[in-house]
C-alpha atoms as a PDB file:
ATOM      1  CA  MET A   1      44.147  63.383 -12.086  1.00  0.00           C
ATOM      2  CA  GLU A   2      43.577  67.197 -13.423  1.00  0.00           C
ATOM      3  CA  ILE A   3      45.505  70.091 -11.860  1.00  0.00           C
ATOM      4  CA  ARG A   4      44.259  73.872 -12.123  1.00  0.00           C
ATOM      5  CA  ILE A   5      46.993  76.347 -11.882  1.00  0.00           C
ATOM      6  CA  GLY A   6      46.291  79.839 -11.278  1.00  0.00           C
ATOM      7  CA  VAL A   7      49.177  82.130 -12.035  1.00  0.00           C
ATOM      8  CA  ILE A   8      49.128  85.900 -10.846  1.00  0.00           C
ATOM      9  CA  HIS A   9      47.862  89.096 -13.084  1.00  0.00           C
ATOM     10  CA  THR A  10      46.767  86.145 -15.893  1.00  0.00           C
ATOM     11  CA  PRO A  11      43.229  85.577 -16.246  1.00  0.00           C
ATOM     12  CA  LYS A  12      43.021  82.484 -17.320  1.00  0.00           C
ATOM     13  CA  GLU A  13      44.341  79.125 -15.608  1.00  0.00           C
ATOM     14  CA  LEU A  14      46.726  76.490 -16.350  1.00  0.00           C
ATOM     15  CA  THR A  15      45.106  72.939 -16.886  1.00  0.00           C
ATOM     16  CA  LEU A  16      46.664  69.699 -16.816  1.00  0.00           C
ATOM     17  CA  GLU A  17      45.687  66.131 -16.723  1.00  0.00           C
ATOM     18  CA  THR A  18      48.653  63.656 -15.252  1.00  0.00           C
ATOM     19  CA  GLU A  19      48.885  60.544 -13.625  1.00  0.00           C
ATOM     20  CA  ALA A  20      51.321  61.258 -11.071  1.00  0.00           C
ATOM     21  CA  ASP A  21      50.390  60.542  -7.092  1.00  0.00           C
ATOM     22  CA  PRO A  22      48.384  63.271  -5.883  1.00  0.00           C
ATOM     23  CA  ASP A  23      50.284  63.359  -2.661  1.00  0.00           C
ATOM     24  CA  SER A  24      53.790  63.422  -4.151  1.00  0.00           C
ATOM     25  CA  LEU A  25      52.856  65.868  -6.531  1.00  0.00           C
ATOM     26  CA  VAL A  26      51.611  68.565  -3.844  1.00  0.00           C
ATOM     27  CA  ALA A  27      54.833  67.459  -1.839  1.00  0.00           C
ATOM     28  CA  SER A  28      56.792  68.619  -4.949  1.00  0.00           C
ATOM     29  CA  ILE A  29      54.946  71.873  -5.932  1.00  0.00           C
ATOM     30  CA  GLU A  30      55.388  72.762  -2.081  1.00  0.00           C
ATOM     31  CA  ALA A  31      58.991  72.134  -1.976  1.00  0.00           C
ATOM     32  CA  ALA A  32      59.706  74.064  -5.414  1.00  0.00           C
ATOM     33  CA  VAL A  33      57.506  77.215  -4.037  1.00  0.00           C
ATOM     34  CA  ALA A  34      59.136  77.412  -0.615  1.00  0.00           C
ATOM     35  CA  ALA A  35      62.696  76.447  -2.008  1.00  0.00           C
ATOM     36  CA  GLY A  36      62.022  79.902  -3.665  1.00  0.00           C
ATOM     37  CA  SER A  37      62.528  77.882  -7.229  1.00  0.00           C
ATOM     38  CA  THR A  38      62.556  79.723 -10.551  1.00  0.00           C
ATOM     39  CA  PHE A  39      60.125  77.552 -12.088  1.00  0.00           C
ATOM     40  CA  LEU A  40      57.834  74.802 -11.036  1.00  0.00           C
ATOM     41  CA  TRP A  41      58.022  72.181 -13.660  1.00  0.00           C
ATOM     42  CA  LEU A  42      55.354  69.297 -14.092  1.00  0.00           C
ATOM     43  CA  GLU A  43      54.499  66.877 -16.388  1.00  0.00           C
ATOM     44  CA  ASP A  44      51.236  66.021 -18.358  1.00  0.00           C
ATOM     45  CA  GLY A  45      49.897  62.207 -19.109  1.00  0.00           C
ATOM     46  CA  LYS A  46      51.666  62.738 -22.398  1.00  0.00           C
ATOM     47  CA  GLY A  47      54.935  63.333 -21.277  1.00  0.00           C
ATOM     48  CA  ARG A  48      54.921  66.836 -22.068  1.00  0.00           C
ATOM     49  CA  LYS A  49      57.013  69.318 -19.230  1.00  0.00           C
ATOM     50  CA  VAL A  50      55.240  72.747 -18.414  1.00  0.00           C
ATOM     51  CA  GLY A  51      57.328  75.348 -16.484  1.00  0.00           C
ATOM     52  CA  VAL A  52      55.385  77.618 -14.093  1.00  0.00           C
ATOM     53  CA  PRO A  53      57.023  80.635 -12.592  1.00  0.00           C
ATOM     54  CA  ALA A  54      57.100  79.242  -8.885  1.00  0.00           C
ATOM     55  CA  ASP A  55      57.036  83.093  -7.629  1.00  0.00           C
ATOM     56  CA  LYS A  56      53.571  83.864  -9.484  1.00  0.00           C
ATOM     57  CA  VAL A  57      51.483  80.480  -8.539  1.00  0.00           C
ATOM     58  CA  ALA A  58      48.241  81.860  -6.964  1.00  0.00           C
ATOM     59  CA  TYR A  59      46.644  78.550  -6.202  1.00  0.00           C
ATOM     60  CA  VAL A  60      47.198  74.976  -7.039  1.00  0.00           C
ATOM     61  CA  GLU A  61      43.961  72.890  -7.512  1.00  0.00           C
ATOM     62  CA  VAL A  62      44.231  69.262  -7.591  1.00  0.00           C
ATOM     63  CA  ILE A  63      41.248  66.838  -9.169  1.00  0.00           C
ATOM     64  CA  THR A  64      41.528  63.441  -8.420  1.00  0.00           C
ATOM     65  CA  ASP A  65      39.239  60.938 -10.367  1.00  0.00           C
ATOM     66  CA  ASP A  66      35.857  60.125  -8.207  1.00  0.00           C
ATOM     67  CA  PRO A  67      34.501  56.671  -9.445  1.00  0.00           C
ATOM     68  CA  SER A  68      31.306  57.614  -7.944  1.00  0.00           C
ATOM     69  CA  HIS A  69      30.788  60.355 -10.532  1.00  0.00           C
ATOM     70  CA  VAL A  70      28.820  58.942 -13.329  1.00  0.00           C
ATOM     71  CA  VAL A  71      28.227  60.955 -16.668  1.00  0.00           C
ATOM     72  CA  GLY A  72      26.063  60.182 -19.618  1.00  0.00           C
ATOM     73  CA  PHE A  73      23.822  56.543 -18.645  1.00  0.00           C
ATOM     74  CA  GLY A  74      26.100  54.711 -16.539  1.00  0.00           C
ATOM     75  CA  ARG A  75      24.751  53.420 -13.308  1.00  0.00           C
END
């Protein structure tokens, strides 16, 4: 699954690949922002942790893998 996070006053977005459950990931993001946490901590598929200032999150886009989307010569 891919996560894209927009940060306020930053022209680029942060993109991560992770194997986390989408529903639990969304719940943890909502909890961190609602609680006023200093950072929103996420872990990518390689075990690296990324911290985003929770009060600077503009948007979060969660893109789950779609098995019907085929690229290349697959059918």
